[in-house]
N, C-alpha and C. Protein backbone atom coordinates (compact mmCIF):
# COMPACT_ATOMS: atom_id res chain seq x y z
N MET A 1 109.72 116.12 50.44
CA MET A 1 110.73 115.08 50.06
C MET A 1 109.79 113.95 49.44
N THR A 2 110.27 113.37 48.60
CA THR A 2 109.63 112.16 47.87
C THR A 2 110.28 110.84 48.12
N ALA A 3 109.55 109.78 48.01
CA ALA A 3 110.40 108.34 48.14
C ALA A 3 111.69 108.33 47.18
N ALA A 4 111.45 108.92 46.07
CA ALA A 4 112.52 108.89 45.14
C ALA A 4 113.71 109.65 45.83
N ASP A 5 113.58 110.73 46.52
CA ASP A 5 114.69 111.40 47.30
C ASP A 5 115.22 110.44 48.05
N GLY A 6 114.58 109.67 48.96
CA GLY A 6 115.00 108.62 49.72
C GLY A 6 115.91 107.56 49.05
N ALA A 7 115.52 107.21 48.02
CA ALA A 7 116.28 106.13 47.14
C ALA A 7 117.45 106.86 46.70
N ALA A 8 117.63 107.95 46.42
CA ALA A 8 118.75 108.76 46.01
C ALA A 8 119.69 108.99 47.06
N GLY A 9 119.56 108.35 48.28
CA GLY A 9 120.66 108.72 49.32
C GLY A 9 120.44 109.52 50.27
N VAL A 10 119.19 110.36 50.20
CA VAL A 10 118.78 111.30 51.06
C VAL A 10 117.97 110.61 52.16
N ASP A 11 118.38 110.89 53.42
CA ASP A 11 117.48 110.29 54.68
C ASP A 11 116.03 110.76 54.62
N VAL A 12 115.22 109.89 54.81
CA VAL A 12 113.87 110.21 54.99
C VAL A 12 113.39 110.17 56.39
N VAL A 13 112.99 111.21 56.88
CA VAL A 13 112.58 111.14 58.35
C VAL A 13 110.94 110.94 58.43
N THR A 14 110.57 109.91 59.14
CA THR A 14 109.22 109.55 59.31
C THR A 14 108.62 110.15 60.60
N GLY A 15 107.35 110.24 60.57
CA GLY A 15 106.70 110.76 61.89
C GLY A 15 107.10 110.05 63.17
N PRO A 16 107.16 108.73 63.08
CA PRO A 16 107.73 107.86 64.37
C PRO A 16 109.13 108.13 64.63
N ASP A 17 109.93 108.49 63.68
CA ASP A 17 111.34 108.85 63.87
C ASP A 17 111.39 110.01 64.64
N VAL A 18 110.55 111.18 64.22
CA VAL A 18 110.53 112.33 64.97
C VAL A 18 110.08 112.18 66.44
N VAL A 19 109.05 111.38 66.55
CA VAL A 19 108.55 111.25 67.96
C VAL A 19 109.72 110.46 68.82
N THR A 20 110.33 109.56 68.28
CA THR A 20 111.31 108.80 69.09
C THR A 20 112.36 109.84 69.47
N ALA A 21 112.68 110.73 68.56
CA ALA A 21 113.92 111.71 68.78
C ALA A 21 113.39 112.68 69.79
N LEU A 22 112.30 113.16 69.72
CA LEU A 22 111.72 114.03 70.69
C LEU A 22 111.64 113.63 72.00
N ASP A 23 111.26 112.30 72.18
CA ASP A 23 111.00 111.65 73.39
C ASP A 23 112.54 111.38 74.04
N GLN A 24 113.58 111.10 73.34
CA GLN A 24 114.85 111.08 73.86
C GLN A 24 115.19 112.62 74.32
N VAL A 25 115.06 113.43 73.57
CA VAL A 25 115.43 114.93 74.04
C VAL A 25 114.73 115.18 75.26
N GLN A 26 113.37 114.88 75.26
CA GLN A 26 112.65 115.17 76.45
C GLN A 26 113.12 114.54 77.70
N ALA A 27 113.77 113.18 77.59
CA ALA A 27 113.76 112.44 78.51
C ALA A 27 115.33 112.92 79.28
N LYS A 28 116.20 113.28 78.34
CA LYS A 28 117.49 113.91 78.87
C LYS A 28 117.41 115.21 79.48
N LEU A 29 116.33 115.95 78.91
CA LEU A 29 116.20 117.25 79.48
C LEU A 29 115.68 116.98 81.08
N ALA A 30 114.60 115.92 81.23
CA ALA A 30 114.07 115.71 82.52
C ALA A 30 115.29 115.15 83.45
N GLY A 31 116.00 114.31 83.00
CA GLY A 31 117.19 113.79 83.80
C GLY A 31 118.08 114.82 84.25
N ALA A 32 118.41 115.79 83.59
CA ALA A 32 119.28 116.94 83.87
C ALA A 32 118.64 117.72 84.81
N TYR A 33 117.38 118.07 84.77
CA TYR A 33 116.44 118.91 85.60
C TYR A 33 116.32 118.22 86.95
N LEU A 34 116.05 116.97 86.95
CA LEU A 34 115.94 116.22 88.21
C LEU A 34 117.33 116.32 89.09
N VAL A 35 118.55 116.10 88.35
CA VAL A 35 119.77 116.13 89.03
C VAL A 35 119.79 117.65 89.69
N ALA A 36 119.68 118.49 88.80
CA ALA A 36 119.72 119.94 89.27
C ALA A 36 118.85 120.18 90.34
N GLU A 37 117.50 119.73 90.44
CA GLU A 37 116.57 120.08 91.57
C GLU A 37 117.04 119.27 92.67
N TRP A 38 117.69 118.06 92.59
CA TRP A 38 118.17 117.34 93.93
C TRP A 38 119.32 118.21 94.50
N PHE A 39 120.19 118.76 93.83
CA PHE A 39 121.20 119.52 94.44
C PHE A 39 120.92 120.79 94.77
N LEU A 40 120.10 121.50 94.14
CA LEU A 40 119.59 122.94 94.30
C LEU A 40 118.65 122.81 95.59
N GLY A 41 117.91 121.80 95.76
CA GLY A 41 117.08 121.58 97.06
C GLY A 41 117.80 121.38 98.22
N ILE A 42 119.14 120.49 98.17
CA ILE A 42 120.00 120.43 99.15
C ILE A 42 120.55 121.55 99.46
N ASP A 43 121.24 122.43 98.52
CA ASP A 43 122.08 123.57 98.72
C ASP A 43 121.09 124.68 99.24
N SER A 44 119.91 124.79 99.03
CA SER A 44 118.72 125.79 99.41
C SER A 44 118.22 125.24 100.78
N ARG A 45 118.66 124.21 101.38
CA ARG A 45 118.03 123.52 102.53
C ARG A 45 116.55 123.48 102.45
N ASP A 46 116.20 122.95 101.25
CA ASP A 46 114.66 122.87 101.04
C ASP A 46 114.51 121.19 100.79
N PRO A 47 114.23 120.32 101.91
CA PRO A 47 113.97 118.89 101.55
C PRO A 47 113.00 118.66 100.55
N ASP A 48 111.90 119.33 100.77
CA ASP A 48 110.73 118.94 99.69
C ASP A 48 111.13 119.13 98.36
N ARG A 49 111.88 120.14 98.10
CA ARG A 49 112.44 120.40 96.63
C ARG A 49 113.42 119.28 96.35
N ALA A 50 114.19 118.89 97.12
CA ALA A 50 115.14 117.91 96.87
C ALA A 50 114.52 116.46 96.53
N MET A 51 113.53 116.10 97.49
CA MET A 51 112.93 114.96 97.26
C MET A 51 112.00 114.60 96.20
N ALA A 52 111.63 115.88 95.65
CA ALA A 52 110.47 115.98 94.63
C ALA A 52 111.22 115.18 93.36
N SER A 53 112.58 115.16 93.33
CA SER A 53 113.33 114.51 92.41
C SER A 53 113.20 112.86 92.33
N TRP A 54 112.98 112.33 93.60
CA TRP A 54 113.18 110.83 93.75
C TRP A 54 111.91 110.11 93.57
N HIS A 55 112.06 108.82 93.16
CA HIS A 55 111.06 107.85 93.24
C HIS A 55 110.77 107.43 94.54
N PRO A 56 109.56 106.99 95.04
CA PRO A 56 109.33 106.69 96.30
C PRO A 56 110.08 105.45 96.86
N ARG A 57 110.49 104.67 95.88
CA ARG A 57 111.28 103.32 96.01
C ARG A 57 112.79 103.58 95.83
N GLY A 58 113.13 104.86 95.56
CA GLY A 58 114.56 104.99 95.34
C GLY A 58 115.48 104.51 96.33
N VAL A 59 116.73 104.43 95.72
CA VAL A 59 117.94 103.98 96.53
C VAL A 59 119.21 104.87 96.46
N SER A 60 119.80 105.08 97.53
CA SER A 60 120.87 106.16 97.40
C SER A 60 122.21 105.61 98.30
N SER A 61 123.24 105.52 97.76
CA SER A 61 124.33 105.25 98.56
C SER A 61 125.52 106.34 98.20
N PHE A 62 126.41 106.30 99.31
CA PHE A 62 127.28 107.36 99.37
C PHE A 62 128.74 106.83 99.81
N THR A 63 129.78 106.71 98.82
CA THR A 63 130.94 106.32 99.22
C THR A 63 130.82 104.75 99.59
N SER A 64 131.31 104.46 100.68
CA SER A 64 131.31 103.13 101.44
C SER A 64 130.21 103.24 102.43
N GLY A 65 129.35 104.19 102.43
CA GLY A 65 128.51 104.42 103.67
C GLY A 65 127.10 103.59 103.32
N LYS A 66 126.20 103.46 104.23
CA LYS A 66 125.14 102.78 104.21
C LYS A 66 124.11 103.08 103.01
N VAL A 67 123.43 102.29 102.57
CA VAL A 67 122.59 102.26 101.45
C VAL A 67 121.24 102.74 102.11
N ARG A 68 120.66 103.88 101.68
CA ARG A 68 119.41 104.22 102.00
C ARG A 68 118.38 103.90 101.01
N ASP A 69 117.55 103.11 101.48
CA ASP A 69 116.39 102.39 100.69
C ASP A 69 115.06 103.06 100.96
N GLY A 70 114.62 103.62 99.84
CA GLY A 70 113.26 104.40 100.06
C GLY A 70 113.51 105.73 100.22
N SER A 71 112.38 106.54 99.81
CA SER A 71 112.48 107.92 99.96
C SER A 71 112.45 108.49 101.50
N GLY A 72 111.69 107.69 102.34
CA GLY A 72 111.91 107.90 103.78
C GLY A 72 113.28 107.85 104.44
N ALA A 73 114.07 106.94 103.93
CA ALA A 73 115.48 106.81 104.31
C ALA A 73 116.27 108.04 103.81
N ILE A 74 115.97 108.19 102.47
CA ILE A 74 116.81 109.20 101.80
C ILE A 74 116.55 110.57 102.55
N ARG A 75 115.21 110.80 102.78
CA ARG A 75 114.88 112.24 103.50
C ARG A 75 115.60 112.32 104.79
N ALA A 76 115.52 111.15 105.67
CA ALA A 76 116.26 111.26 106.89
C ALA A 76 117.68 111.48 106.77
N TRP A 77 118.40 110.77 105.94
CA TRP A 77 119.66 111.05 105.65
C TRP A 77 119.89 112.71 105.43
N LEU A 78 119.12 113.21 104.39
CA LEU A 78 119.24 114.55 104.00
C LEU A 78 118.97 115.51 105.18
N GLU A 79 118.10 115.29 106.08
CA GLU A 79 117.65 116.08 107.14
C GLU A 79 118.93 116.12 108.14
N ARG A 80 119.43 114.83 108.34
CA ARG A 80 120.68 114.86 109.15
C ARG A 80 121.83 115.61 108.55
N SER A 81 122.07 115.41 107.34
CA SER A 81 123.09 116.33 106.44
C SER A 81 122.97 117.69 106.74
N LEU A 82 121.74 118.29 106.62
CA LEU A 82 121.41 119.54 106.69
C LEU A 82 121.68 120.02 108.10
N ALA A 83 121.26 119.28 109.09
CA ALA A 83 121.60 119.63 110.49
C ALA A 83 123.12 119.70 110.80
N ALA A 84 123.87 118.91 110.22
CA ALA A 84 125.41 118.89 110.43
C ALA A 84 126.16 119.92 109.79
N TYR A 85 125.78 120.45 108.78
CA TYR A 85 126.45 121.56 107.98
C TYR A 85 125.76 122.91 107.93
N ALA A 86 126.54 123.92 108.34
CA ALA A 86 125.70 125.33 108.34
C ALA A 86 125.45 125.69 106.88
N GLU A 87 126.47 125.13 105.73
CA GLU A 87 126.25 125.46 104.50
C GLU A 87 126.68 124.44 103.68
N VAL A 88 125.90 124.11 102.49
CA VAL A 88 126.31 123.08 101.46
C VAL A 88 126.12 123.70 100.11
N TYR A 89 127.10 123.27 99.22
CA TYR A 89 127.14 123.80 97.84
C TYR A 89 127.47 122.50 97.08
N HIS A 90 126.79 122.35 96.00
CA HIS A 90 127.18 121.13 94.96
C HIS A 90 127.31 121.93 93.66
N TRP A 91 128.10 121.09 92.82
CA TRP A 91 128.40 121.47 91.34
C TRP A 91 128.45 120.09 90.68
N CYS A 92 127.63 119.89 89.76
CA CYS A 92 127.50 118.60 88.81
C CYS A 92 128.05 119.15 87.44
N ALA A 93 129.06 118.38 86.98
CA ALA A 93 129.35 118.79 85.57
C ALA A 93 129.61 117.52 84.77
N ASN A 94 129.85 117.71 83.70
CA ASN A 94 129.81 116.76 82.68
C ASN A 94 128.69 115.51 82.75
N LEU A 95 127.59 116.04 82.83
CA LEU A 95 126.51 114.99 82.97
C LEU A 95 126.03 114.39 81.66
N SER A 96 126.26 113.08 81.55
CA SER A 96 125.89 112.34 80.48
C SER A 96 124.76 111.33 80.76
N LEU A 97 123.71 111.30 79.79
CA LEU A 97 122.50 110.70 79.92
C LEU A 97 122.40 109.71 78.82
N THR A 98 121.96 108.45 79.04
CA THR A 98 121.64 107.66 77.95
C THR A 98 120.26 107.01 78.27
N VAL A 99 119.32 107.06 77.23
CA VAL A 99 117.86 106.46 77.41
C VAL A 99 118.06 105.03 76.76
N SER A 100 117.25 104.19 77.50
CA SER A 100 117.09 102.90 77.13
C SER A 100 115.80 102.14 77.54
N GLY A 101 115.63 100.94 77.27
CA GLY A 101 114.40 100.29 77.74
C GLY A 101 113.21 100.87 76.90
N GLY A 102 113.42 101.17 75.72
CA GLY A 102 112.34 101.66 74.87
C GLY A 102 111.72 103.00 75.34
N GLY A 103 112.70 103.84 75.93
CA GLY A 103 112.36 105.14 76.48
C GLY A 103 111.82 105.10 77.94
N SER A 104 111.91 103.90 78.61
CA SER A 104 111.38 104.02 79.99
C SER A 104 112.24 104.03 81.12
N THR A 105 113.63 103.81 80.84
CA THR A 105 114.59 103.90 81.73
C THR A 105 116.01 104.78 81.16
N MET A 106 116.78 105.39 82.20
CA MET A 106 117.68 106.25 81.66
C MET A 106 118.85 106.08 82.71
N HIS A 107 119.95 106.22 82.29
CA HIS A 107 121.18 106.01 83.05
C HIS A 107 122.02 107.24 82.83
N GLY A 108 122.62 107.93 84.02
CA GLY A 108 123.31 109.23 83.91
C GLY A 108 124.63 109.06 84.73
N GLU A 109 125.68 109.93 84.56
CA GLU A 109 126.78 109.96 85.25
C GLU A 109 127.30 111.33 85.10
N CYS A 110 127.85 111.85 86.16
CA CYS A 110 128.60 113.15 86.18
C CYS A 110 129.65 113.26 87.31
N ARG A 111 130.40 114.40 87.02
CA ARG A 111 131.43 114.65 88.05
C ARG A 111 130.79 115.53 89.12
N LEU A 112 131.03 115.41 90.34
CA LEU A 112 130.40 115.99 91.46
C LEU A 112 131.46 116.61 92.34
N SER A 113 131.17 117.91 92.75
CA SER A 113 132.18 118.59 93.67
C SER A 113 131.16 119.07 94.68
N ALA A 114 131.77 119.15 96.00
CA ALA A 114 130.89 119.58 97.04
C ALA A 114 131.81 120.47 97.96
N LEU A 115 131.04 121.44 98.53
CA LEU A 115 131.71 122.34 99.47
C LEU A 115 130.88 122.35 100.81
N CYS A 116 131.23 121.80 101.87
CA CYS A 116 130.36 121.59 102.97
C CYS A 116 130.92 122.39 104.26
N VAL A 117 130.14 123.29 104.76
CA VAL A 117 130.71 124.24 105.95
C VAL A 117 130.26 123.64 107.15
N LEU A 118 131.20 123.27 108.11
CA LEU A 118 130.59 122.88 109.41
C LEU A 118 130.26 124.08 110.31
N PRO A 119 129.52 124.05 111.50
CA PRO A 119 129.12 125.10 112.23
C PRO A 119 130.24 125.73 112.69
N SER A 120 131.39 125.06 113.02
CA SER A 120 132.74 125.92 113.30
C SER A 120 133.39 126.73 112.30
N GLY A 121 132.74 126.78 111.06
CA GLY A 121 133.29 127.47 109.87
C GLY A 121 134.34 126.67 109.08
N GLU A 122 134.76 125.39 109.59
CA GLU A 122 135.67 124.61 108.89
C GLU A 122 134.97 124.20 107.54
N ALA A 123 135.68 124.40 106.30
CA ALA A 123 135.05 124.00 105.11
C ALA A 123 135.64 122.60 104.55
N ILE A 124 134.87 121.67 104.08
CA ILE A 124 135.32 120.44 103.80
C ILE A 124 134.94 120.40 102.20
N ARG A 125 135.92 120.14 101.45
CA ARG A 125 135.82 119.98 99.94
C ARG A 125 136.02 118.55 99.45
N GLU A 126 134.97 118.03 98.68
CA GLU A 126 134.94 116.87 98.06
C GLU A 126 134.73 116.81 96.66
N VAL A 127 135.32 115.80 95.98
CA VAL A 127 135.21 115.65 94.60
C VAL A 127 134.84 114.21 94.32
N GLY A 128 134.07 114.03 93.40
CA GLY A 128 133.94 112.48 92.90
C GLY A 128 133.02 112.29 91.73
N THR A 129 132.24 110.99 91.71
CA THR A 129 131.45 110.90 90.59
C THR A 129 130.02 110.22 91.09
N ALA A 130 129.23 110.69 90.46
CA ALA A 130 127.72 110.43 90.82
C ALA A 130 127.01 109.70 89.61
N VAL A 131 126.50 108.47 89.87
CA VAL A 131 125.91 107.71 88.77
C VAL A 131 124.46 107.52 89.24
N TYR A 132 123.53 107.91 88.30
CA TYR A 132 122.22 107.65 88.55
C TYR A 132 121.32 106.95 87.52
N ASP A 133 120.62 106.42 88.05
CA ASP A 133 119.31 105.53 87.16
C ASP A 133 118.11 106.35 87.39
N PHE A 134 117.30 106.45 86.26
CA PHE A 134 116.01 107.13 86.39
C PHE A 134 114.97 106.23 85.74
N SER A 135 113.74 106.28 86.26
CA SER A 135 112.78 105.28 85.68
C SER A 135 111.45 106.34 85.42
N ARG A 136 110.61 106.07 84.43
CA ARG A 136 109.50 106.73 84.09
C ARG A 136 108.25 106.09 84.31
N ALA A 137 107.50 106.48 85.10
CA ALA A 137 106.23 105.91 85.38
C ALA A 137 105.10 106.83 85.13
N GLU A 138 103.97 106.51 84.50
CA GLU A 138 102.99 107.54 84.25
C GLU A 138 103.36 108.84 83.59
N GLY A 139 104.27 108.57 82.81
CA GLY A 139 104.87 109.91 82.07
C GLY A 139 105.81 110.78 82.80
N LYS A 140 106.09 110.37 84.09
CA LYS A 140 106.92 111.31 84.81
C LYS A 140 108.22 110.54 85.15
N TRP A 141 109.36 111.19 84.90
CA TRP A 141 110.68 110.82 85.27
C TRP A 141 110.95 111.06 86.75
N LEU A 142 111.68 110.19 87.22
CA LEU A 142 112.24 110.34 88.69
C LEU A 142 113.56 109.53 88.85
N ILE A 143 114.32 110.07 89.91
CA ILE A 143 115.56 109.41 90.24
C ILE A 143 115.35 108.01 90.85
N SER A 144 115.78 106.92 90.47
CA SER A 144 115.44 105.64 91.07
C SER A 144 116.59 105.17 91.81
N ARG A 145 117.87 105.60 91.45
CA ARG A 145 119.08 105.18 92.05
C ARG A 145 120.12 106.20 92.08
N GLU A 146 120.93 106.41 93.07
CA GLU A 146 122.07 107.25 93.08
C GLU A 146 123.26 106.47 93.84
N VAL A 147 124.39 106.36 93.20
CA VAL A 147 125.56 105.99 93.82
C VAL A 147 126.56 106.99 93.70
N VAL A 148 127.07 107.66 94.90
CA VAL A 148 128.08 108.70 94.91
C VAL A 148 129.37 108.10 95.42
N THR A 149 130.82 108.10 94.70
CA THR A 149 131.73 107.73 95.10
C THR A 149 132.73 109.10 95.20
N MET A 150 132.95 109.38 96.37
CA MET A 150 133.95 110.45 96.49
C MET A 150 135.36 109.99 96.54
N GLN A 151 136.18 110.77 95.58
CA GLN A 151 137.48 110.33 95.15
C GLN A 151 138.48 111.20 96.00
N ARG A 152 138.23 112.31 96.53
CA ARG A 152 138.88 113.27 97.14
C ARG A 152 138.36 113.92 98.03
N ARG A 153 139.12 114.18 99.19
CA ARG A 153 138.48 114.99 100.34
C ARG A 153 139.45 115.81 100.91
N ASP A 154 139.07 117.19 101.07
CA ASP A 154 140.26 118.25 101.62
C ASP A 154 139.57 118.93 102.63
N PRO A 155 139.99 118.91 103.89
CA PRO A 155 141.04 118.17 104.51
C PRO A 155 140.79 116.65 104.40
N PRO A 156 142.00 115.92 104.34
CA PRO A 156 141.62 114.38 104.25
C PRO A 156 141.16 113.86 105.57
N ARG A 157 140.16 113.02 105.68
CA ARG A 157 139.59 112.46 106.67
C ARG A 157 140.64 111.57 107.50
N VAL A 158 140.95 111.80 108.79
CA VAL A 158 141.64 110.98 109.55
C VAL A 158 140.86 109.69 109.96
N ALA A 159 141.56 108.53 110.07
CA ALA A 159 140.68 107.19 110.05
C ALA A 159 139.63 107.42 111.53
N GLU A 160 140.11 107.82 112.57
CA GLU A 160 139.28 107.92 113.70
C GLU A 160 138.27 108.98 113.62
N GLN A 161 138.56 109.87 112.60
CA GLN A 161 137.38 111.16 112.58
C GLN A 161 136.08 110.75 112.14
N ALA A 162 135.23 110.95 112.87
CA ALA A 162 133.67 110.73 112.52
C ALA A 162 133.26 111.57 111.56
N SER A 163 132.48 111.16 110.42
CA SER A 163 131.75 111.99 109.68
C SER A 163 130.45 112.47 110.24
N PRO A 164 130.24 113.66 110.00
CA PRO A 164 128.83 114.28 110.67
C PRO A 164 127.65 113.60 109.94
N ILE A 165 127.84 112.90 108.84
CA ILE A 165 126.61 112.39 108.17
C ILE A 165 126.57 110.84 107.80
N LEU A 166 127.97 110.41 107.61
CA LEU A 166 128.05 109.06 107.08
C LEU A 166 128.21 108.10 108.18
N PRO A 167 127.61 106.80 108.10
CA PRO A 167 127.57 106.12 109.27
C PRO A 167 129.07 105.54 109.48
């Protein structure tokens, strides 16, 4: 392609344009991978796998529950959750990711479904929205923030019913 082609209305793609486009694709693939690994780690009862997605200073909150600040607090919550449920399954759909900050930050949002089975065999189904922020440090993407808002629970929680994992 020549400069004349560009002048004639044909888009000319430069080396820096290709690098920027590839960086965006790589970032979005990394974000999708991190969300998948977070939930696959939970569902397979592997806290190390789940926590590998998180920034050490990450922050997580769930519905109106307590904010878990830092990977230690997130891991402690995860271990309490795994102890409270005999089985846990997650599905994340419609994950949308947007890269910003010159390629150093990313925002994501998805629909989330969970099936949690208590030791008694009772199954709890929840659906909601998960919102994520990701940051890249030293070339590696990690989850830096998660906000999960559950919009429906079946069976519905009775006001005095305690959650096995929420404060």
